[in-house]
PDB file of all heavy atoms in Angstrom:
ATOM      1  N   ALA A   1      24.145  95.525 110.902  1.00  0.00           N
ATOM      2  CA  ALA A   1      24.461  94.131 110.576  1.00  0.00           C
ATOM      3  C   ALA A   1      25.154  94.084 109.218  1.00  0.00           C
ATOM      4  O   ALA A   1      24.610  94.573 108.228  1.00  0.00           O
ATOM      5  CB  ALA A   1      23.191  93.297 110.566  1.00  0.00           C
ATOM      6  N   THR A   2      26.345  93.477 109.189  1.00  0.00           N
ATOM      7  CA  THR A   2      27.120  93.434 107.947  1.00  0.00           C
ATOM      8  C   THR A   2      26.991  92.105 107.210  1.00  0.00           C
ATOM      9  O   THR A   2      27.469  91.980 106.087  1.00  0.00           O
ATOM     10  CB  THR A   2      28.603  93.715 108.230  1.00  0.00           C
ATOM     11  OG1 THR A   2      29.113  92.680 109.069  1.00  0.00           O
ATOM     12  CG2 THR A   2      28.798  95.073 108.883  1.00  0.00           C
ATOM     13  N   ALA A   3      26.354  91.128 107.835  1.00  0.00           N
ATOM     14  CA  ALA A   3      26.249  89.795 107.236  1.00  0.00           C
ATOM     15  C   ALA A   3      25.252  89.777 106.085  1.00  0.00           C
ATOM     16  O   ALA A   3      24.263  90.510 106.081  1.00  0.00           O
ATOM     17  CB  ALA A   3      25.825  88.773 108.288  1.00  0.00           C
ATOM     18  N   THR A   4      25.533  88.920 105.120  1.00  0.00           N
ATOM     19  CA  THR A   4      24.584  88.634 104.044  1.00  0.00           C
ATOM     20  C   THR A   4      24.349  87.126 104.033  1.00  0.00           C
ATOM     21  O   THR A   4      25.250  86.346 104.345  1.00  0.00           O
ATOM     22  CB  THR A   4      25.123  89.087 102.671  1.00  0.00           C
ATOM     23  OG1 THR A   4      26.360  88.433 102.418  1.00  0.00           O
ATOM     24  CG2 THR A   4      25.327  90.596 102.628  1.00  0.00           C
ATOM     25  N   ALA A   5      23.146  86.744 103.687  1.00  0.00           N
ATOM     26  CA  ALA A   5      22.776  85.323 103.697  1.00  0.00           C
ATOM     27  C   ALA A   5      23.142  84.678 102.367  1.00  0.00           C
ATOM     28  O   ALA A   5      22.287  84.404 101.535  1.00  0.00           O
ATOM     29  CB  ALA A   5      21.293  85.172 103.988  1.00  0.00           C
ATOM     30  N   GLY A   6      24.426  84.388 102.184  1.00  0.00           N
ATOM     31  CA  GLY A   6      24.894  83.788 100.946  1.00  0.00           C
ATOM     32  C   GLY A   6      24.620  82.305 100.835  1.00  0.00           C
ATOM     33  O   GLY A   6      24.672  81.735  99.747  1.00  0.00           O
ATOM     34  N   ASP A   7      24.327  81.668 101.979  1.00  0.00           N
ATOM     35  CA  ASP A   7      24.001  80.247 101.976  1.00  0.00           C
ATOM     36  C   ASP A   7      23.081  79.949 103.168  1.00  0.00           C
ATOM     37  O   ASP A   7      22.802  80.830 103.988  1.00  0.00           O
ATOM     38  CB  ASP A   7      25.268  79.377 102.026  1.00  0.00           C
ATOM     39  CG  ASP A   7      26.149  79.659 103.223  1.00  0.00           C
ATOM     40  OD1 ASP A   7      25.625  79.957 104.317  1.00  0.00           O
ATOM     41  OD2 ASP A   7      27.385  79.572 103.090  1.00  0.00           O
ATOM     42  N   ALA A   8      22.585  78.710 103.241  1.00  0.00           N
ATOM     43  CA  ALA A   8      21.615  78.338 104.273  1.00  0.00           C
ATOM     44  C   ALA A   8      22.203  78.452 105.678  1.00  0.00           C
ATOM     45  O   ALA A   8      21.519  78.890 106.608  1.00  0.00           O
ATOM     46  CB  ALA A   8      21.101  76.916 104.024  1.00  0.00           C
ATOM     47  N   GLU A   9      23.456  78.068 105.829  1.00  0.00           N
ATOM     48  CA  GLU A   9      24.084  78.130 107.157  1.00  0.00           C
ATOM     49  C   GLU A   9      24.176  79.573 107.636  1.00  0.00           C
ATOM     50  O   GLU A   9      23.883  79.871 108.792  1.00  0.00           O
ATOM     51  CB  GLU A   9      25.474  77.474 107.099  1.00  0.00           C
ATOM     52  CG  GLU A   9      26.142  77.309 108.458  1.00  0.00           C
ATOM     53  CD  GLU A   9      27.072  78.459 108.801  1.00  0.00           C
ATOM     54  OE1 GLU A   9      27.511  79.158 107.880  1.00  0.00           O
ATOM     55  OE2 GLU A   9      27.343  78.661 109.992  1.00  0.00           O
ATOM     56  N   MET A  10      24.553  80.498 106.749  1.00  0.00           N
ATOM     57  CA  MET A  10      24.639  81.906 107.141  1.00  0.00           C
ATOM     58  C   MET A  10      23.252  82.478 107.407  1.00  0.00           C
ATOM     59  O   MET A  10      23.062  83.279 108.323  1.00  0.00           O
ATOM     60  CB  MET A  10      25.375  82.717 106.078  1.00  0.00           C
ATOM     61  CG  MET A  10      25.673  84.131 106.532  1.00  0.00           C
ATOM     62  SD  MET A  10      26.599  84.207 108.082  1.00  0.00           S
ATOM     63  CE  MET A  10      28.200  84.616 107.472  1.00  0.00           C
ATOM     64  N   ALA A  11      22.274  82.066 106.647  1.00  0.00           N
ATOM     65  CA  ALA A  11      20.899  82.509 106.893  1.00  0.00           C
ATOM     66  C   ALA A  11      20.430  82.070 108.280  1.00  0.00           C
ATOM     67  O   ALA A  11      19.758  82.833 108.987  1.00  0.00           O
ATOM     68  CB  ALA A  11      19.964  81.959 105.813  1.00  0.00           C
ATOM     69  N   THR A  12      20.800  80.875 108.697  1.00  0.00           N
ATOM     70  CA  THR A  12      20.458  80.383 110.036  1.00  0.00           C
ATOM     71  C   THR A  12      21.140  81.226 111.107  1.00  0.00           C
ATOM     72  O   THR A  12      20.528  81.577 112.121  1.00  0.00           O
ATOM     73  CB  THR A  12      20.855  78.896 110.177  1.00  0.00           C
ATOM     74  OG1 THR A  12      20.129  78.153 109.185  1.00  0.00           O
ATOM     75  CG2 THR A  12      20.558  78.358 111.560  1.00  0.00           C
ATOM     76  N   ARG A  13      22.410  81.559 110.894  1.00  0.00           N
ATOM     77  CA  ARG A  13      23.135  82.405 111.858  1.00  0.00           C
ATOM     78  C   ARG A  13      22.486  83.780 111.979  1.00  0.00           C
ATOM     79  O   ARG A  13      22.324  84.314 113.069  1.00  0.00           O
ATOM     80  CB  ARG A  13      24.591  82.588 111.424  1.00  0.00           C
ATOM     81  CG  ARG A  13      25.463  81.397 111.697  1.00  0.00           C
ATOM     82  CD  ARG A  13      26.879  81.664 111.157  1.00  0.00           C
ATOM     83  NE  ARG A  13      27.730  80.537 111.364  1.00  0.00           N
ATOM     84  CZ  ARG A  13      28.696  80.486 112.281  1.00  0.00           C
ATOM     85  NH1 ARG A  13      28.923  81.509 113.058  1.00  0.00           N
ATOM     86  NH2 ARG A  13      29.429  79.405 112.412  1.00  0.00           N
ATOM     87  N   ILE A  14      22.135  84.367 110.851  1.00  0.00           N
ATOM     88  CA  ILE A  14      21.494  85.679 110.856  1.00  0.00           C
ATOM     89  C   ILE A  14      20.178  85.605 111.614  1.00  0.00           C
ATOM     90  O   ILE A  14      19.873  86.474 112.441  1.00  0.00           O
ATOM     91  CB  ILE A  14      21.311  86.201 109.418  1.00  0.00           C
ATOM     92  CG1 ILE A  14      22.672  86.542 108.810  1.00  0.00           C
ATOM     93  CG2 ILE A  14      20.386  87.417 109.389  1.00  0.00           C
ATOM     94  CD1 ILE A  14      22.644  86.824 107.308  1.00  0.00           C
ATOM     95  N   ALA A  15      19.394  84.584 111.353  1.00  0.00           N
ATOM     96  CA  ALA A  15      18.104  84.423 112.044  1.00  0.00           C
ATOM     97  C   ALA A  15      18.311  84.286 113.556  1.00  0.00           C
ATOM     98  O   ALA A  15      17.551  84.860 114.353  1.00  0.00           O
ATOM     99  CB  ALA A  15      17.362  83.215 111.494  1.00  0.00           C
ATOM    100  N   ARG A  16      19.338  83.548 113.978  1.00  0.00           N
ATOM    101  CA  ARG A  16      19.620  83.386 115.410  1.00  0.00           C
ATOM    102  C   ARG A  16      19.967  84.730 116.038  1.00  0.00           C
ATOM    103  O   ARG A  16      19.456  85.081 117.107  1.00  0.00           O
ATOM    104  CB  ARG A  16      20.747  82.384 115.642  1.00  0.00           C
ATOM    105  CG  ARG A  16      21.062  82.169 117.135  1.00  0.00           C
ATOM    106  CD  ARG A  16      22.198  81.181 117.367  1.00  0.00           C
ATOM    107  NE  ARG A  16      23.388  81.435 116.579  1.00  0.00           N
ATOM    108  CZ  ARG A  16      24.298  82.374 116.858  1.00  0.00           C
ATOM    109  NH1 ARG A  16      24.153  83.148 117.889  1.00  0.00           N
ATOM    110  NH2 ARG A  16      25.354  82.515 116.075  1.00  0.00           N
ATOM    111  N   HIS A  17      20.815  85.502 115.369  1.00  0.00           N
ATOM    112  CA  HIS A  17      21.173  86.821 115.893  1.00  0.00           C
ATOM    113  C   HIS A  17      19.934  87.713 116.007  1.00  0.00           C
ATOM    114  O   HIS A  17      19.786  88.439 116.999  1.00  0.00           O
ATOM    115  CB  HIS A  17      22.227  87.490 115.011  1.00  0.00           C
ATOM    116  CG  HIS A  17      23.615  87.044 115.305  1.00  0.00           C
ATOM    117  ND1 HIS A  17      24.347  87.522 116.360  1.00  0.00           N
ATOM    118  CD2 HIS A  17      24.421  86.156 114.672  1.00  0.00           C
ATOM    119  CE1 HIS A  17      25.546  86.961 116.374  1.00  0.00           C
ATOM    120  NE2 HIS A  17      25.610  86.118 115.355  1.00  0.00           N
ATOM    121  N   ARG A  18      19.054  87.664 115.021  1.00  0.00           N
ATOM    122  CA  ARG A  18      17.829  88.475 115.074  1.00  0.00           C
ATOM    123  C   ARG A  18      16.960  88.080 116.267  1.00  0.00           C
ATOM    124  O   ARG A  18      16.396  88.946 116.935  1.00  0.00           O
ATOM    125  CB  ARG A  18      17.031  88.318 113.778  1.00  0.00           C
ATOM    126  CG  ARG A  18      17.623  89.059 112.621  1.00  0.00           C
ATOM    127  CD  ARG A  18      16.788  88.874 111.372  1.00  0.00           C
ATOM    128  NE  ARG A  18      17.367  89.569 110.241  1.00  0.00           N
ATOM    129  CZ  ARG A  18      17.259  89.181 108.990  1.00  0.00           C
ATOM    130  NH1 ARG A  18      16.555  88.098 108.687  1.00  0.00           N
ATOM    131  NH2 ARG A  18      17.820  89.865 108.026  1.00  0.00           N
ATOM    132  N   ARG A  19      16.851  86.775 116.525  1.00  0.00           N
ATOM    133  CA  ARG A  19      16.043  86.299 117.654  1.00  0.00           C
ATOM    134  C   ARG A  19      16.614  86.750 118.994  1.00  0.00           C
ATOM    135  O   ARG A  19      15.869  86.944 119.950  1.00  0.00           O
ATOM    136  CB  ARG A  19      15.927  84.778 117.640  1.00  0.00           C
ATOM    137  CG  ARG A  19      14.988  84.217 116.607  1.00  0.00           C
ATOM    138  CD  ARG A  19      14.707  82.728 116.819  1.00  0.00           C
ATOM    139  NE  ARG A  19      15.913  81.916 116.894  1.00  0.00           N
ATOM    140  CZ  ARG A  19      16.545  81.398 115.842  1.00  0.00           C
ATOM    141  NH1 ARG A  19      16.082  81.604 114.627  1.00  0.00           N
ATOM    142  NH2 ARG A  19      17.642  80.668 115.995  1.00  0.00           N
ATOM    143  N   GLU A  20      17.921  86.906 119.080  1.00  0.00           N
ATOM    144  CA  GLU A  20      18.577  87.313 120.331  1.00  0.00           C
ATOM    145  C   GLU A  20      18.350  88.787 120.653  1.00  0.00           C
ATOM    146  O   GLU A  20      18.531  89.196 121.797  1.00  0.00           O
ATOM    147  CB  GLU A  20      20.084  87.038 120.254  1.00  0.00           C
ATOM    148  CG  GLU A  20      20.433  85.569 120.252  1.00  0.00           C
ATOM    149  CD  GLU A  20      21.914  85.306 120.002  1.00  0.00           C
ATOM    150  OE1 GLU A  20      22.676  86.268 119.731  1.00  0.00           O
ATOM    151  OE2 GLU A  20      22.298  84.134 120.086  1.00  0.00           O
ATOM    152  N   ARG A  21      17.957  89.575 119.663  1.00  0.00           N
ATOM    153  CA  ARG A  21      17.783  91.012 119.874  1.00  0.00           C
ATOM    154  C   ARG A  21      16.317  91.338 120.144  1.00  0.00           C
ATOM    155  O   ARG A  21      15.417  90.778 119.504  1.00  0.00           O
ATOM    156  CB  ARG A  21      18.252  91.782 118.637  1.00  0.00           C
ATOM    157  CG  ARG A  21      19.708  91.564 118.320  1.00  0.00           C
ATOM    158  CD  ARG A  21      20.206  92.503 117.254  1.00  0.00           C
ATOM    159  NE  ARG A  21      19.590  92.355 115.957  1.00  0.00           N
ATOM    160  CZ  ARG A  21      20.172  91.803 114.901  1.00  0.00           C
ATOM    161  NH1 ARG A  21      21.381  91.304 114.995  1.00  0.00           N
ATOM    162  NH2 ARG A  21      19.534  91.743 113.750  1.00  0.00           N
ATOM    163  N   PRO A  22      16.070  92.302 121.041  1.00  0.00           N
ATOM    164  CA  PRO A  22      14.689  92.754 121.263  1.00  0.00           C
ATOM    165  C   PRO A  22      14.087  93.323 119.979  1.00  0.00           C
ATOM    166  O   PRO A  22      14.786  93.957 119.181  1.00  0.00           O
ATOM    167  CB  PRO A  22      14.847  93.839 122.330  1.00  0.00           C
ATOM    168  CG  PRO A  22      16.119  93.500 123.034  1.00  0.00           C
ATOM    169  CD  PRO A  22      17.013  92.913 121.971  1.00  0.00           C
ATOM    170  N   ALA A  23      12.803  93.103 119.809  1.00  0.00           N
ATOM    171  CA  ALA A  23      12.106  93.580 118.607  1.00  0.00           C
ATOM    172  C   ALA A  23      12.121  95.099 118.495  1.00  0.00           C
ATOM    173  O   ALA A  23      12.021  95.646 117.394  1.00  0.00           O
ATOM    174  CB  ALA A  23      10.672  93.062 118.605  1.00  0.00           C
ATOM    175  N   SER A  24      12.279  95.794 119.615  1.00  0.00           N
ATOM    176  CA  SER A  24      12.275  97.257 119.605  1.00  0.00           C
ATOM    177  C   SER A  24      13.560  97.858 119.045  1.00  0.00           C
ATOM    178  O   SER A  24      13.603  99.040 118.713  1.00  0.00           O
ATOM    179  CB  SER A  24      12.049  97.790 121.020  1.00  0.00           C
ATOM    180  OG  SER A  24      13.107  97.372 121.868  1.00  0.00           O
ATOM    181  N   TRP A  25      14.608  97.061 118.916  1.00  0.00           N
ATOM    182  CA  TRP A  25      15.867  97.576 118.385  1.00  0.00           C
ATOM    183  C   TRP A  25      15.757  97.759 116.878  1.00  0.00           C
ATOM    184  O   TRP A  25      15.176  96.931 116.169  1.00  0.00           O
ATOM    185  CB  TRP A  25      17.012  96.631 118.687  1.00  0.00           C
ATOM    186  CG  TRP A  25      17.404  96.559 120.127  1.00  0.00           C
ATOM    187  CD1 TRP A  25      16.782  97.155 121.194  1.00  0.00           C
ATOM    188  CD2 TRP A  25      18.498  95.834 120.662  1.00  0.00           C
ATOM    189  NE1 TRP A  25      17.437  96.847 122.352  1.00  0.00           N
ATOM    190  CE2 TRP A  25      18.498  96.032 122.058  1.00  0.00           C
ATOM    191  CE3 TRP A  25      19.486  95.035 120.103  1.00  0.00           C
ATOM    192  CZ2 TRP A  25      19.445  95.470 122.899  1.00  0.00           C
ATOM    193  CZ3 TRP A  25      20.428  94.471 120.934  1.00  0.00           C
ATOM    194  CH2 TRP A  25      20.403  94.694 122.310  1.00  0.00           C
ATOM    195  N   HIS A  26      16.359  98.810 116.411  1.00  0.00           N
ATOM    196  CA  HIS A  26      16.388  99.101 114.975  1.00  0.00           C
ATOM    197  C   HIS A  26      17.589  98.391 114.355  1.00  0.00           C
ATOM    198  O   HIS A  26      18.667  98.366 114.942  1.00  0.00           O
ATOM    199  CB  HIS A  26      16.487 100.610 114.762  1.00  0.00           C
ATOM    200  CG  HIS A  26      16.525 101.023 113.336  1.00  0.00           C
ATOM    201  ND1 HIS A  26      15.457 100.854 112.479  1.00  0.00           N
ATOM    202  CD2 HIS A  26      17.507 101.591 112.603  1.00  0.00           C
ATOM    203  CE1 HIS A  26      15.784 101.307 111.288  1.00  0.00           C
ATOM    204  NE2 HIS A  26      17.027 101.753 111.328  1.00  0.00           N
ATOM    205  N   THR A  27      17.413  97.804 113.187  1.00  0.00           N
ATOM    206  CA  THR A  27      18.514  97.144 112.490  1.00  0.00           C
ATOM    207  C   THR A  27      18.728  97.791 111.131  1.00  0.00           C
ATOM    208  O   THR A  27      17.776  97.983 110.371  1.00  0.00           O
ATOM    209  CB  THR A  27      18.239  95.636 112.304  1.00  0.00           C
ATOM    210  OG1 THR A  27      18.079  95.033 113.584  1.00  0.00           O
ATOM    211  CG2 THR A  27      19.376  94.949 111.563  1.00  0.00           C
ATOM    212  N   LEU A  28      19.988  98.127 110.856  1.00  0.00           N
ATOM    213  CA  LEU A  28      20.396  98.594 109.534  1.00  0.00           C
ATOM    214  C   LEU A  28      21.246  97.485 108.934  1.00  0.00           C
ATOM    215  O   LEU A  28      22.316  97.166 109.467  1.00  0.00           O
ATOM    216  CB  LEU A  28      21.236  99.872 109.632  1.00  0.00           C
ATOM    217  CG  LEU A  28      20.551 101.131 110.133  1.00  0.00           C
ATOM    218  CD1 LEU A  28      21.575 102.244 110.330  1.00  0.00           C
ATOM    219  CD2 LEU A  28      19.489 101.576 109.144  1.00  0.00           C
ATOM    220  N   GLU A  29      20.768  96.874 107.877  1.00  0.00           N
ATOM    221  CA  GLU A  29      21.549  95.834 107.200  1.00  0.00           C
ATOM    222  C   GLU A  29      22.410  96.527 106.161  1.00  0.00           C
ATOM    223  O   GLU A  29      21.906  97.053 105.173  1.00  0.00           O
ATOM    224  CB  GLU A  29      20.621  94.795 106.588  1.00  0.00           C
ATOM    225  CG  GLU A  29      19.873  94.025 107.666  1.00  0.00           C
ATOM    226  CD  GLU A  29      19.001  92.915 107.119  1.00  0.00           C
ATOM    227  OE1 GLU A  29      19.000  92.698 105.891  1.00  0.00           O
ATOM    228  OE2 GLU A  29      18.327  92.273 107.933  1.00  0.00           O
ATOM    229  N   GLU A  30      23.714  96.566 106.444  1.00  0.00           N
ATOM    230  CA  GLU A  30      24.633  97.279 105.563  1.00  0.00           C
ATOM    231  C   GLU A  30      25.947  96.519 105.451  1.00  0.00           C
ATOM    232  O   GLU A  30      26.814  96.629 106.306  1.00  0.00           O
ATOM    233  CB  GLU A  30      24.890  98.694 106.092  1.00  0.00           C
ATOM    234  CG  GLU A  30      25.775  99.509 105.183  1.00  0.00           C
ATOM    235  CD  GLU A  30      25.346  99.451 103.736  1.00  0.00           C
ATOM    236  OE1 GLU A  30      24.268  99.972 103.404  1.00  0.00           O
ATOM    237  OE2 GLU A  30      26.090  98.852 102.916  1.00  0.00           O
ATOM    238  N   PRO A  31      26.099  95.736 104.370  1.00  0.00           N
ATOM    239  CA  PRO A  31      27.305  94.931 104.217  1.00  0.00           C
ATOM    240  C   PRO A  31      28.532  95.701 103.742  1.00  0.00           C
ATOM    241  O   PRO A  31      29.648  95.196 103.854  1.00  0.00           O
ATOM    242  CB  PRO A  31      26.900  93.889 103.173  1.00  0.00           C
ATOM    243  CG  PRO A  31      25.809  94.536 102.395  1.00  0.00           C
ATOM    244  CD  PRO A  31      25.095  95.441 103.363  1.00  0.00           C
ATOM    245  N   LEU A  32      28.376  96.938 103.243  1.00  0.00           N
ATOM    246  CA  LEU A  32      29.508  97.647 102.633  1.00  0.00           C
ATOM    247  C   LEU A  32      29.736  99.065 103.169  1.00  0.00           C
ATOM    248  O   LEU A  32      30.858  99.417 103.505  1.00  0.00           O
ATOM    249  CB  LEU A  32      29.340  97.707 101.116  1.00  0.00           C
ATOM    250  CG  LEU A  32      29.364  96.363 100.393  1.00  0.00           C
ATOM    251  CD1 LEU A  32      28.943  96.522  98.943  1.00  0.00           C
ATOM    252  CD2 LEU A  32      30.728  95.719 100.501  1.00  0.00           C
ATOM    253  N   ALA A  33      28.715  99.890 103.203  1.00  0.00           N
ATOM    254  CA  ALA A  33      28.868 101.319 103.518  1.00  0.00           C
ATOM    255  C   ALA A  33      28.753 101.564 105.023  1.00  0.00           C
ATOM    256  O   ALA A  33      27.801 102.171 105.510  1.00  0.00           O
ATOM    257  CB  ALA A  33      27.850 102.141 102.750  1.00  0.00           C
ATOM    258  N   LEU A  34      29.757 101.121 105.748  1.00  0.00           N
ATOM    259  CA  LEU A  34      29.725 101.181 107.211  1.00  0.00           C
ATOM    260  C   LEU A  34      29.698 102.618 107.724  1.00  0.00           C
ATOM    261  O   LEU A  34      28.930 102.947 108.636  1.00  0.00           O
ATOM    262  CB  LEU A  34      30.933 100.434 107.773  1.00  0.00           C
ATOM    263  CG  LEU A  34      30.940 100.108 109.239  1.00  0.00           C
ATOM    264  CD1 LEU A  34      29.656  99.444 109.699  1.00  0.00           C
ATOM    265  CD2 LEU A  34      32.130  99.217 109.562  1.00  0.00           C
ATOM    266  N   ASP A  35      30.505 103.494 107.156  1.00  0.00           N
ATOM    267  CA  ASP A  35      30.509 104.881 107.616  1.00  0.00           C
ATOM    268  C   ASP A  35      29.163 105.551 107.358  1.00  0.00           C
ATOM    269  O   ASP A  35      28.658 106.305 108.196  1.00  0.00           O
ATOM    270  CB  ASP A  35      31.664 105.676 107.014  1.00  0.00           C
ATOM    271  CG  ASP A  35      31.678 105.686 105.499  1.00  0.00           C
ATOM    272  OD1 ASP A  35      31.102 104.763 104.875  1.00  0.00           O
ATOM    273  OD2 ASP A  35      32.281 106.605 104.921  1.00  0.00           O
ATOM    274  N   THR A  36      28.542 105.247 106.231  1.00  0.00           N
ATOM    275  CA  THR A  36      27.225 105.798 105.918  1.00  0.00           C
ATOM    276  C   THR A  36      26.169 105.266 106.888  1.00  0.00           C
ATOM    277  O   THR A  36      25.314 106.015 107.348  1.00  0.00           O
ATOM    278  CB  THR A  36      26.830 105.459 104.467  1.00  0.00           C
ATOM    279  OG1 THR A  36      27.842 105.964 103.602  1.00  0.00           O
ATOM    280  CG2 THR A  36      25.487 106.045 104.096  1.00  0.00           C
ATOM    281  N   ALA A  37      26.223 103.977 107.209  1.00  0.00           N
ATOM    282  CA  ALA A  37      25.275 103.396 108.166  1.00  0.00           C
ATOM    283  C   ALA A  37      25.430 104.047 109.534  1.00  0.00           C
ATOM    284  O   ALA A  37      24.428 104.336 110.207  1.00  0.00           O
ATOM    285  CB  ALA A  37      25.471 101.889 108.252  1.00  0.00           C
ATOM    286  N   LEU A  38      26.656 104.291 109.962  1.00  0.00           N
ATOM    287  CA  LEU A  38      26.866 104.972 111.248  1.00  0.00           C
ATOM    288  C   LEU A  38      26.272 106.377 111.216  1.00  0.00           C
ATOM    289  O   LEU A  38      25.705 106.838 112.208  1.00  0.00           O
ATOM    290  CB  LEU A  38      28.360 105.023 111.579  1.00  0.00           C
ATOM    291  CG  LEU A  38      28.945 103.714 112.096  1.00  0.00           C
ATOM    292  CD1 LEU A  38      30.459 103.682 111.908  1.00  0.00           C
ATOM    293  CD2 LEU A  38      28.572 103.487 113.551  1.00  0.00           C
ATOM    294  N   ALA A  39      26.364 107.057 110.101  1.00  0.00           N
ATOM    295  CA  ALA A  39      25.788 108.393 109.974  1.00  0.00           C
ATOM    296  C   ALA A  39      24.263 108.343 109.990  1.00  0.00           C
ATOM    297  O   ALA A  39      23.621 109.268 110.499  1.00  0.00           O
ATOM    298  CB  ALA A  39      26.282 109.062 108.694  1.00  0.00           C
ATOM    299  N   ARG A  40      23.683 107.271 109.441  1.00  0.00           N
ATOM    300  CA  ARG A  40      22.224 107.136 109.390  1.00  0.00           C
ATOM    301  C   ARG A  40      21.613 106.742 110.727  1.00  0.00           C
ATOM    302  O   ARG A  40      20.441 107.006 110.975  1.00  0.00           O
ATOM    303  CB  ARG A  40      21.831 106.080 108.348  1.00  0.00           C
ATOM    304  CG  ARG A  40      22.017 106.556 106.933  1.00  0.00           C
ATOM    305  CD  ARG A  40      21.429 105.627 105.866  1.00  0.00           C
ATOM    306  NE  ARG A  40      20.836 104.401 106.301  1.00  0.00           N
ATOM    307  CZ  ARG A  40      21.186 103.187 105.867  1.00  0.00           C
ATOM    308  NH1 ARG A  40      22.157 103.054 104.991  1.00  0.00           N
ATOM    309  NH2 ARG A  40      20.574 102.114 106.295  1.00  0.00           N
TER     310      ARG A  40
END
């Protein structure tokens, strides 16, 4: 996930996306180091 919650509207969007995903899925919150996140 590359999003950051810079304001209330974005925080709501992030929360909605989290609710849509099964709890068993792993999430890496990485707004900048995309290649490193893919390696991890």
